[in-house]
Protein backbone atom coordinates (compact mmCIF):
# COMPACT_ATOMS: atom_id res chain seq x y z
CA MET A 1 252.93 -1.31 65.31
CA GLY A 2 253.38 0.68 62.10
CA GLU A 3 254.48 4.28 61.78
CA SER A 4 250.90 5.38 61.07
CA MET A 5 249.54 3.92 64.33
CA ALA A 6 252.37 5.45 66.38
CA HIS A 7 251.59 8.82 64.79
CA LYS A 8 247.90 8.51 65.67
CA GLU A 9 248.72 7.63 69.27
CA SER A 10 251.10 10.56 69.58
CA CYS A 11 248.43 12.94 68.22
CA GLY A 12 245.92 11.64 70.75
CA LEU A 13 248.43 12.00 73.56
CA LEU A 14 249.25 15.56 72.48
CA PHE A 15 245.54 16.48 72.37
CA LYS A 16 245.15 15.08 75.88
CA LYS A 17 248.22 16.87 77.25
CA ILE A 18 247.12 20.20 75.74
CA ASN A 19 243.57 19.78 77.03
CA ASP A 20 244.72 18.75 80.51
CA ALA A 21 247.14 21.68 80.79
CA LEU A 22 244.54 24.21 79.63
CA GLU A 23 241.87 22.76 81.90
CA ARG A 24 244.24 22.79 84.90
CA GLN A 25 245.22 26.42 84.25
CA ALA A 26 241.61 27.51 83.75
CA ASN A 27 240.46 25.80 86.95
CA ASN A 28 243.36 27.40 88.87
CA ASP A 29 242.43 30.82 87.47
CA LEU A 30 238.74 30.31 88.28
CA ARG A 31 239.32 28.97 91.79
CA ASN A 32 239.90 32.53 93.02
CA ASP A 33 236.46 33.43 91.65
CA ASP A 34 234.80 30.41 93.31
CA LEU A 35 233.85 28.95 89.91
CA THR A 36 234.65 25.78 88.01
CA LEU A 37 235.43 25.51 84.32
CA THR A 38 232.07 23.81 83.76
CA GLN A 39 230.22 26.61 85.54
CA MET A 40 232.08 29.20 83.48
CA GLY A 41 231.17 27.27 80.34
CA VAL A 42 227.50 27.62 81.27
CA LEU A 43 227.85 31.36 81.89
CA VAL A 44 229.60 31.94 78.57
CA ALA A 45 227.06 29.78 76.72
CA VAL A 46 224.12 31.67 78.23
CA GLU A 47 225.64 35.00 77.22
CA ASP A 48 227.12 34.20 73.80
CA ARG A 49 225.12 31.35 72.37
CA PHE A 50 221.69 32.17 73.82
CA HIS A 51 221.89 35.96 74.15
CA ASN A 52 221.35 35.84 77.92
CA ASN A 53 218.07 33.93 77.70
CA ALA A 54 218.66 30.16 77.59
CA MET A 55 216.23 27.36 78.20
CA LEU A 56 217.68 24.76 80.54
CA GLY A 57 217.11 22.09 77.89
CA GLU A 58 219.11 24.12 75.35
CA LEU A 59 222.05 24.24 77.74
CA VAL A 60 221.79 20.48 78.30
CA SER A 61 221.98 19.84 74.55
CA TYR A 62 224.63 22.45 73.82
CA LEU A 63 227.01 21.42 76.60
CA GLY A 64 226.30 17.69 76.39
CA VAL A 65 225.42 17.03 80.02
CA SER A 66 222.38 15.41 81.63
CA GLN A 67 219.35 17.39 82.80
CA PRO A 68 220.06 16.68 86.51
CA THR A 69 223.71 17.76 86.08
CA MET A 70 222.70 21.03 84.40
CA THR A 71 220.05 21.66 87.05
CA GLY A 72 222.72 21.29 89.74
CA ILE A 73 225.13 23.61 87.91
CA VAL A 74 222.45 26.27 87.43
CA ASN A 75 221.33 25.95 91.07
CA ARG A 76 224.93 26.47 92.27
CA LEU A 77 225.39 29.45 89.94
CA GLU A 78 222.14 30.91 91.23
CA LYS A 79 223.34 30.56 94.85
CA LYS A 80 226.56 32.36 93.85
CA GLY A 81 224.51 35.22 92.38
CA CYS A 82 225.70 34.67 88.80
CA VAL A 83 222.38 33.65 87.20
CA THR A 84 218.66 33.85 87.73
CA SER A 85 216.31 31.13 86.59
CA PHE A 86 212.61 31.51 85.94
CA THR A 87 209.63 30.17 84.05
CA ASN A 88 207.49 32.29 81.74
CA LYS A 89 203.72 32.07 81.75
CA GLY A 90 202.51 30.02 78.83
CA GLU A 91 205.72 27.95 78.63
CA GLY A 92 204.70 25.38 81.19
CA ARG A 93 207.61 24.03 83.18
CA ILE A 94 210.31 25.30 80.82
CA ARG A 95 213.04 26.83 82.97
CA ARG A 96 214.97 29.77 81.53
CA VAL A 97 218.36 31.03 82.68
CA SER A 98 219.84 34.51 82.39
CA LEU A 99 222.96 36.16 83.77
CA THR A 100 223.00 38.66 86.58
CA GLU A 101 225.37 41.62 86.48
CA LYS A 102 227.81 39.54 88.53
CA GLY A 103 227.53 36.70 85.97
CA MET A 104 228.19 39.12 83.11
CA GLU A 105 231.28 40.43 84.89
CA LYS A 106 232.55 36.87 85.39
CA CYS A 107 232.05 36.26 81.64
CA ARG A 108 234.05 39.36 80.71
CA MET A 109 236.86 38.25 83.01
CA ALA A 110 236.83 34.70 81.65
CA LYS A 111 236.82 35.82 78.03
CA GLY A 112 239.91 37.92 78.67
CA LYS A 113 241.66 34.91 80.19
CA MET A 114 240.55 32.67 77.29
CA GLU A 115 241.93 35.17 74.76
CA ALA A 116 245.23 35.29 76.65
CA ALA A 117 245.39 31.47 76.72
CA GLU A 118 244.72 31.29 72.99
CA GLU A 119 247.42 33.88 72.31
CA LEU A 120 249.85 31.78 74.34
CA ILE A 121 248.89 28.60 72.46
CA LEU A 122 249.38 30.27 69.09
CA SER A 123 252.41 32.38 69.99
CA GLY A 124 254.87 29.95 68.42
CA LEU A 125 253.06 29.95 65.07
CA ASP A 126 253.07 32.53 62.30
CA GLU A 127 249.76 33.69 60.76
CA GLU A 128 249.84 31.09 58.01
CA GLU A 129 250.49 28.28 60.47
CA GLN A 130 247.70 29.55 62.74
CA ALA A 131 245.26 29.50 59.82
CA GLU A 132 246.41 26.00 58.83
CA LEU A 133 246.04 24.76 62.41
CA LEU A 134 242.48 26.10 62.56
CA VAL A 135 241.58 24.32 59.31
CA LEU A 136 243.06 21.05 60.57
CA LEU A 137 241.40 21.30 64.00
CA LYS A 138 238.03 21.89 62.32
CA LYS A 139 238.58 18.74 60.24
CA VAL A 140 239.41 16.75 63.35
CA ALA A 141 236.35 18.15 65.17
CA ARG A 142 234.07 17.22 62.26
CA ALA A 143 235.55 13.71 62.16
CA VAL A 144 234.74 13.03 65.81
CA GLU A 145 231.51 15.05 66.06
CA GLY A 146 228.46 13.01 66.81
CA ARG A 147 230.33 9.85 67.74
CA GLU A 148 229.57 8.10 70.98
CA THR A 149 232.44 8.17 73.48
CA GLY A 150 232.75 4.39 73.41
CA SER A 151 232.99 4.15 69.64
CA LEU A 152 236.19 6.17 69.15
């Protein structure tokens, strides 16, 4: 195995370790709030991406999960009092999702924790290195965007 291949494998392993550590910490933080990272992702998406008025299908596409999976997530969030779901007259069976006050509070809490996690991640880098890392991560994201999981 050449140097280049070893470098690629170490990058992949580092991405996985970073992701796993962040996911573990986020799930531990959210456990006290009776939420999962996936559920929090839905709440944040509804608020930020869809301005508190998301169609279920938009959430499916945006978060890359199946319709039945998203339906289950939204149903659980509704039971927890974090979202309401409804259909508008004239839209047929299109289900919309919006946050309750409790859901908005959970988003504010989560965003604070996400900012703290990002500060921790970047704390060992100066401003120039942080900017460079962002540029490089965007390149990596563009390179893998749109690829099927099995084709990587």
